[in-house]
Amino acid sequence: MDVRYIIAHGPDSFRGGIEKNERNGRVWHDLKDEFGVVWSMPDDQQLFMDISYHPLANASNEDIANYSFPDGTDKSRFKGTREAALKLRNETDYSISTGIGGVTYEYCWYLRGLEQWFCDMLVNPKFCEALIEQTLKFWYNYYTGFMEAVGDIVDIVMVGDDLAGQGGPLFSPDFYRSVIKPRHKKLIQHIRSLTKAKIWYHTCGSCVEYIPDLIDIGVDIINPVQTSARNMDPVHLKRQFGNHIVFWGGGIDSQHVLPFATPDQVKKEVHQSLEIFKPGGGYVFNNIHNIQSGVPAENIIAMYEAAYEFGFY
């Protein structure tokens, strides 16, 4: 691994932490975040935390103005981040990145509920704009303080909002370009004004339609490059966009190959991916997404061994 991360934390006024609660005969691990969204995981199946409570599920347009959104200007959340970043810069040769943030669009449906938010985009777009203005305000202020602390040290600033599923955009491209993209651009250009770090953007799925938009708003790096999704052919991506954006990911299919193939098959796919993405630079090797439970350890080792065998110039 070539990257180490500097992560902010909750402000002094926030009392987070996981609580155990019993519901319907099961024990649940519940976490309420700063926005008031509750994330839960059953004690008998500790794999993921999913949203169990959307605090604005029944809100009106007027309720948004009265909701207690977190304060992005509270600099107590950045205590210790500069010292940690300097320690990495002075004592290691790793690239230094922030943790992922800037979740401007997705947090709206976290607050609202996915089904209701999708209805809102069609029948109540003014509600959507009012809510995304609040999430944008938080992240705009958040990065003002974060970059004040570490902007001269970090190499990468990670932001992200999933825009696509495996078959294409998750919602109307017209809505993206009229409502979401201008807010993303405002945030990313603000971050760029505060640091020389490269801007890394995460969206899963078939996002090929949006790559020109991401380049346009100032994104330098795209992740995870889900080459198994529709129209995400790596040869096409490299040929069309390789001179304009860095691909971070795309190294191996984490759904169909890494969990189920043999180590030799894993190495073969890694080699093929590197041969496509390496020429001319602009590539950071990684598997397409998180390594899930159940992936054979020998396949993980094979992936890294192949990256080291075939990944250097």
Protein backbone atom coordinates (compact mmCIF):
# COMPACT_ATOMS: atom_id res chain seq x y z
CA MET A 1 0.00 0.00 0.00
CA ASP A 2 1.39 3.37 -1.03
CA VAL A 3 -1.16 5.66 0.67
CA ARG A 4 -1.82 6.65 4.28
CA TYR A 5 -4.87 8.57 5.43
CA ILE A 6 -5.55 11.61 7.59
CA ILE A 7 -9.09 11.48 8.91
CA ALA A 8 -11.01 14.13 10.79
CA HIS A 9 -13.34 13.20 13.65
CA GLY A 10 -16.50 14.51 15.23
CA PRO A 11 -16.39 17.92 16.92
CA ASP A 12 -16.03 18.20 20.68
CA SER A 13 -19.76 18.84 20.98
CA PHE A 14 -20.69 15.55 19.26
CA ARG A 15 -21.23 12.43 21.33
CA GLY A 16 -21.05 9.55 18.92
CA GLY A 17 -20.49 5.88 19.52
CA ILE A 18 -22.36 2.65 18.97
CA GLU A 19 -25.24 1.68 21.21
CA LYS A 20 -26.72 -1.80 21.58
CA ASN A 21 -30.51 -1.90 21.39
CA GLU A 22 -33.04 -4.72 21.17
CA ARG A 23 -35.77 -4.63 18.53
CA ASN A 24 -38.10 -7.41 17.45
CA GLY A 25 -36.13 -10.02 19.34
CA ARG A 26 -32.74 -9.08 17.86
CA VAL A 27 -29.85 -7.09 19.25
CA TRP A 28 -28.76 -4.20 17.04
CA HIS A 29 -25.65 -2.03 16.97
CA ASP A 30 -26.91 1.51 16.32
CA LEU A 31 -24.88 4.59 15.43
CA LYS A 32 -26.39 8.06 15.04
CA ASP A 33 -24.16 10.32 12.96
CA GLU A 34 -23.86 14.11 13.08
CA PHE A 35 -26.69 14.59 10.59
CA GLY A 36 -29.07 12.52 12.75
CA VAL A 37 -29.06 9.52 10.39
CA VAL A 38 -29.06 6.19 12.27
CA TRP A 39 -26.96 3.32 10.94
CA SER A 40 -27.64 -0.19 12.26
CA MET A 41 -26.16 -3.68 12.12
CA PRO A 42 -27.64 -6.85 13.63
CA ASP A 43 -25.50 -8.46 16.33
CA ASP A 44 -25.97 -11.90 14.76
CA GLN A 45 -24.76 -10.80 11.32
CA GLN A 46 -21.99 -8.25 11.75
CA LEU A 47 -21.13 -7.40 8.14
CA PHE A 48 -22.45 -3.93 7.30
CA MET A 49 -24.26 -1.00 8.88
CA ASP A 50 -27.34 0.06 6.90
CA ILE A 51 -29.53 3.09 7.45
CA SER A 52 -32.41 2.34 9.80
CA TYR A 53 -33.69 5.89 10.36
CA HIS A 54 -34.02 8.80 7.94
CA PRO A 55 -34.67 11.90 10.06
CA LEU A 56 -36.16 13.97 7.21
CA ALA A 57 -38.36 11.22 5.78
CA ASN A 58 -41.53 13.23 6.40
CA ALA A 59 -40.09 16.74 6.22
CA SER A 60 -41.57 19.60 4.25
CA ASN A 61 -39.66 22.33 2.45
CA GLU A 62 -40.13 24.54 5.49
CA ASP A 63 -38.74 21.88 7.85
CA ILE A 64 -35.33 22.03 6.19
CA ALA A 65 -34.78 25.59 7.42
CA ASN A 66 -35.46 24.50 11.00
CA TYR A 67 -33.45 21.26 10.98
CA SER A 68 -30.30 21.06 13.08
CA PHE A 69 -27.59 20.37 10.51
CA PRO A 70 -24.01 19.81 11.76
CA ASP A 71 -21.67 22.78 11.95
CA GLY A 72 -18.93 22.52 9.36
CA THR A 73 -17.15 25.56 10.81
CA ASP A 74 -16.37 23.78 14.11
CA LYS A 75 -12.59 23.36 13.92
CA SER A 76 -12.42 21.09 16.95
CA ARG A 77 -13.00 18.19 14.55
CA PHE A 78 -9.53 18.78 13.10
CA LYS A 79 -7.57 18.61 16.36
CA GLY A 80 -4.42 16.56 15.86
CA THR A 81 -4.79 16.18 12.11
CA ARG A 82 -1.90 18.50 11.25
CA GLU A 83 0.44 16.78 13.70
CA ALA A 84 -0.50 13.37 12.29
CA ALA A 85 -0.02 14.56 8.71
CA LEU A 86 3.38 16.09 9.49
CA LYS A 87 4.51 12.90 11.16
CA LEU A 88 3.68 10.92 8.02
CA ARG A 89 5.32 13.52 5.77
CA ASN A 90 8.52 13.71 7.82
CA GLU A 91 8.90 10.04 8.77
CA THR A 92 7.58 8.07 5.77
CA ASP A 93 7.56 8.18 1.99
CA TYR A 94 3.87 7.35 1.68
CA SER A 95 1.43 9.44 -0.29
CA ILE A 96 -0.93 11.21 2.13
CA SER A 97 -4.65 11.43 1.54
CA THR A 98 -7.67 12.68 3.41
CA GLY A 99 -10.44 10.23 4.17
CA ILE A 100 -13.43 10.36 1.85
CA GLY A 101 -15.85 13.25 2.37
CA GLY A 102 -17.81 15.81 0.41
CA VAL A 103 -20.81 13.46 0.25
CA THR A 104 -23.11 16.21 -0.96
CA TYR A 105 -25.74 14.34 -3.01
CA GLU A 106 -25.87 11.00 -1.22
CA TYR A 107 -26.39 12.54 2.21
CA CYS A 108 -29.65 13.97 0.93
CA TRP A 109 -31.12 10.51 0.44
CA TYR A 110 -29.55 9.32 3.69
CA LEU A 111 -31.60 12.03 5.38
CA ARG A 112 -34.72 11.58 3.26
CA GLY A 113 -34.80 7.87 2.39
CA LEU A 114 -33.89 6.60 -1.08
CA GLU A 115 -37.41 5.94 -2.35
CA GLN A 116 -38.75 9.30 -1.16
CA TRP A 117 -35.70 11.13 -2.54
CA PHE A 118 -36.21 9.57 -5.97
CA CYS A 119 -39.82 10.77 -5.87
CA ASP A 120 -38.64 14.22 -4.78
CA MET A 121 -36.34 14.51 -7.78
CA LEU A 122 -39.39 14.08 -10.03
CA VAL A 123 -42.15 15.95 -8.23
CA ASN A 124 -40.45 18.20 -5.67
CA PRO A 125 -37.13 19.39 -7.10
CA LYS A 126 -37.25 22.56 -4.99
CA PHE A 127 -37.05 20.38 -1.88
CA CYS A 128 -34.01 18.64 -3.36
CA GLU A 129 -32.28 21.93 -4.06
CA ALA A 130 -33.00 23.26 -0.58
CA LEU A 131 -31.62 20.11 1.04
CA ILE A 132 -28.51 19.85 -1.11
CA GLU A 133 -27.75 23.49 -0.35
CA GLN A 134 -27.53 22.48 3.32
CA THR A 135 -25.22 19.51 2.70
CA LEU A 136 -23.08 21.67 0.40
CA LYS A 137 -22.85 24.35 3.09
CA PHE A 138 -21.62 21.79 5.61
CA TRP A 139 -18.91 20.34 3.32
CA TYR A 140 -17.85 23.77 2.05
CA ASN A 141 -17.20 24.91 5.63
CA TYR A 142 -15.73 21.54 6.60
CA TYR A 143 -13.06 21.66 3.90
CA THR A 144 -12.26 25.27 4.72
CA GLY A 145 -11.13 24.11 8.17
CA PHE A 146 -9.65 20.80 7.06
CA MET A 147 -7.46 22.35 4.38
CA GLU A 148 -6.39 25.08 6.78
CA ALA A 149 -5.04 22.25 8.94
CA VAL A 150 -3.50 19.93 6.33
CA GLY A 151 -3.93 21.45 2.86
CA ASP A 152 -0.23 22.19 2.48
CA ILE A 153 0.70 18.62 3.46
CA VAL A 154 -1.73 16.18 1.82
CA ASP A 155 -1.28 14.91 -1.71
CA ILE A 156 -4.89 13.82 -2.30
CA VAL A 157 -8.32 15.01 -1.19
CA MET A 158 -10.96 12.30 -1.48
CA VAL A 159 -14.58 13.23 -2.20
CA GLY A 160 -17.40 11.19 -3.62
CA ASP A 161 -21.06 10.73 -4.45
CA ASP A 162 -22.25 7.62 -6.29
CA LEU A 163 -23.78 8.76 -9.57
CA ALA A 164 -24.22 5.44 -11.36
CA GLY A 165 -25.25 1.83 -10.97
CA GLN A 166 -24.01 -1.10 -12.98
CA GLY A 167 -26.36 -0.33 -15.87
CA GLY A 168 -25.89 3.44 -16.06
CA PRO A 169 -26.77 6.64 -14.20
CA LEU A 170 -28.77 6.20 -10.99
CA PHE A 171 -30.95 9.19 -11.79
CA SER A 172 -31.67 11.60 -14.62
CA PRO A 173 -28.53 13.09 -16.18
CA ASP A 174 -30.53 16.29 -16.69
CA PHE A 175 -31.14 16.51 -12.93
CA TYR A 176 -27.44 15.83 -12.32
CA ARG A 177 -26.32 18.58 -14.68
CA SER A 178 -28.85 21.18 -13.53
CA VAL A 179 -28.87 20.55 -9.77
CA ILE A 180 -25.99 18.35 -8.62
CA LYS A 181 -23.10 19.26 -10.91
CA PRO A 182 -23.11 23.02 -10.09
CA ARG A 183 -22.91 22.20 -6.36
CA HIS A 184 -20.16 19.66 -6.91
CA LYS A 185 -18.25 22.19 -8.98
CA LYS A 186 -18.57 24.86 -6.29
CA LEU A 187 -17.23 22.47 -3.65
CA ILE A 188 -14.39 21.07 -5.73
CA GLN A 189 -13.25 24.46 -6.96
CA HIS A 190 -13.32 25.68 -3.36
CA ILE A 191 -11.11 22.79 -2.27
CA ARG A 192 -8.75 23.47 -5.19
CA SER A 193 -8.42 27.08 -4.03
CA LEU A 194 -7.20 25.85 -0.62
CA THR A 195 -4.67 23.17 -1.58
CA LYS A 196 -2.45 21.92 -4.38
CA ALA A 197 -3.55 18.35 -3.63
CA LYS A 198 -5.16 16.30 -6.37
CA ILE A 199 -8.93 15.84 -6.20
CA TRP A 200 -10.01 12.18 -6.10
CA TYR A 201 -13.66 11.40 -6.88
CA HIS A 202 -15.49 8.19 -6.10
CA THR A 203 -18.48 6.90 -8.00
CA CYS A 204 -19.26 3.27 -8.61
CA GLY A 205 -20.98 1.82 -11.64
CA SER A 206 -21.30 2.77 -15.28
CA CYS A 207 -20.22 6.40 -14.94
CA VAL A 208 -18.68 6.80 -18.40
CA GLU A 209 -21.32 9.38 -19.34
CA TYR A 210 -20.23 11.57 -16.43
CA ILE A 211 -16.46 11.40 -16.84
CA PRO A 212 -16.39 14.54 -19.06
CA ASP A 213 -18.49 16.34 -16.42
CA LEU A 214 -16.11 15.31 -13.65
CA ILE A 215 -13.13 16.52 -15.67
CA ASP A 216 -14.99 19.78 -16.31
CA ILE A 217 -15.58 20.49 -12.60
CA GLY A 218 -11.94 19.91 -11.67
CA VAL A 219 -11.63 16.24 -10.72
CA ASP A 220 -8.13 14.80 -11.21
CA ILE A 221 -8.68 11.15 -10.26
CA ILE A 222 -11.63 8.76 -10.65
CA ASN A 223 -12.28 5.67 -8.53
CA PRO A 224 -13.06 2.73 -8.51
CA VAL A 225 -13.27 2.35 -12.35
CA GLN A 226 -15.83 -0.46 -12.37
CA THR A 227 -14.83 -2.10 -15.64
CA SER A 228 -17.43 -4.85 -15.15
CA ALA A 229 -20.26 -2.29 -15.46
CA ARG A 230 -22.04 -1.39 -18.71
CA ASN A 231 -19.94 0.54 -21.26
CA MET A 232 -16.94 0.67 -18.91
CA ASP A 233 -14.55 -1.10 -21.27
CA PRO A 234 -11.04 -0.29 -19.99
CA VAL A 235 -9.54 0.04 -23.47
CA HIS A 236 -12.16 2.65 -24.37
CA LEU A 237 -11.74 4.49 -21.05
CA LYS A 238 -7.98 4.70 -21.42
CA ARG A 239 -8.13 5.77 -25.05
CA GLN A 240 -10.81 8.44 -24.56
CA PHE A 241 -9.91 9.86 -21.13
CA GLY A 242 -6.40 8.69 -20.28
CA ASN A 243 -4.83 12.06 -21.09
CA HIS A 244 -7.31 13.97 -18.94
CA ILE A 245 -7.90 12.01 -15.75
CA VAL A 246 -6.12 9.47 -13.55
CA PHE A 247 -7.73 6.05 -13.16
CA TRP A 248 -7.47 4.70 -9.61
CA GLY A 249 -8.84 1.17 -9.52
CA GLY A 250 -10.01 -1.12 -12.31
CA GLY A 251 -7.26 -3.60 -11.48
CA ILE A 252 -9.46 -6.66 -11.03
CA ASP A 253 -13.16 -7.43 -10.94
CA SER A 254 -13.99 -7.62 -7.23
CA GLN A 255 -17.45 -9.13 -7.85
CA HIS A 256 -16.83 -12.04 -10.19
CA VAL A 257 -13.09 -12.72 -10.32
CA LEU A 258 -11.32 -11.89 -7.05
CA PRO A 259 -13.73 -13.92 -4.86
CA PHE A 260 -14.15 -16.95 -7.12
CA ALA A 261 -11.19 -17.35 -9.51
CA THR A 262 -7.98 -19.28 -8.95
CA PRO A 263 -4.82 -17.38 -8.00
CA ASP A 264 -3.49 -17.89 -11.53
CA GLN A 265 -6.66 -16.40 -13.00
CA VAL A 266 -6.36 -13.46 -10.64
CA LYS A 267 -2.80 -12.80 -11.76
CA LYS A 268 -3.85 -13.04 -15.42
CA GLU A 269 -6.58 -10.41 -15.02
CA VAL A 270 -4.30 -8.07 -13.07
CA HIS A 271 -1.68 -8.39 -15.82
CA GLN A 272 -4.27 -7.62 -18.53
CA SER A 273 -5.57 -4.60 -16.65
CA LEU A 274 -2.11 -3.18 -16.13
CA GLU A 275 -1.24 -3.59 -19.80
CA ILE A 276 -4.27 -1.47 -20.65
CA PHE A 277 -4.01 1.25 -18.00
CA LYS A 278 -0.22 1.63 -17.57
CA PRO A 279 0.89 3.20 -20.88
CA GLY A 280 1.68 6.89 -20.48
CA GLY A 281 1.12 6.88 -16.73
CA GLY A 282 -1.97 8.25 -15.08
CA TYR A 283 -2.85 5.03 -13.31
CA VAL A 284 -2.98 3.89 -9.68
CA PHE A 285 -3.48 0.15 -9.33
CA ASN A 286 -6.25 -1.06 -7.08
CA ASN A 287 -8.96 -3.67 -7.14
CA ILE A 288 -12.31 -2.28 -8.23
CA HIS A 289 -13.86 -2.02 -4.78
CA ASN A 290 -13.58 -3.24 -1.20
CA ILE A 291 -12.35 -6.75 -0.55
CA GLN A 292 -15.35 -8.51 0.95
CA SER A 293 -15.46 -11.28 3.52
CA GLY A 294 -15.05 -14.70 1.93
CA VAL A 295 -12.38 -13.69 -0.60
CA PRO A 296 -9.63 -16.35 -0.40
CA ALA A 297 -6.45 -15.00 1.14
CA GLU A 298 -4.38 -16.59 -1.63
CA ASN A 299 -6.30 -14.52 -4.20
CA ILE A 300 -5.53 -11.31 -2.34
CA ILE A 301 -1.86 -12.26 -2.24
CA ALA A 302 -1.93 -13.16 -5.93
CA MET A 303 -3.42 -9.75 -6.75
CA TYR A 304 -0.63 -7.89 -4.97
CA GLU A 305 2.09 -10.17 -6.29
CA ALA A 306 0.89 -9.59 -9.85
CA ALA A 307 0.70 -5.83 -9.28
CA TYR A 308 4.33 -5.82 -8.17
CA GLU A 309 5.42 -8.16 -10.96
CA PHE A 310 3.74 -6.28 -13.80
CA GLY A 311 3.08 -2.83 -12.40
CA PHE A 312 6.43 -1.11 -12.57
CA TYR A 313 7.85 0.79 -15.56
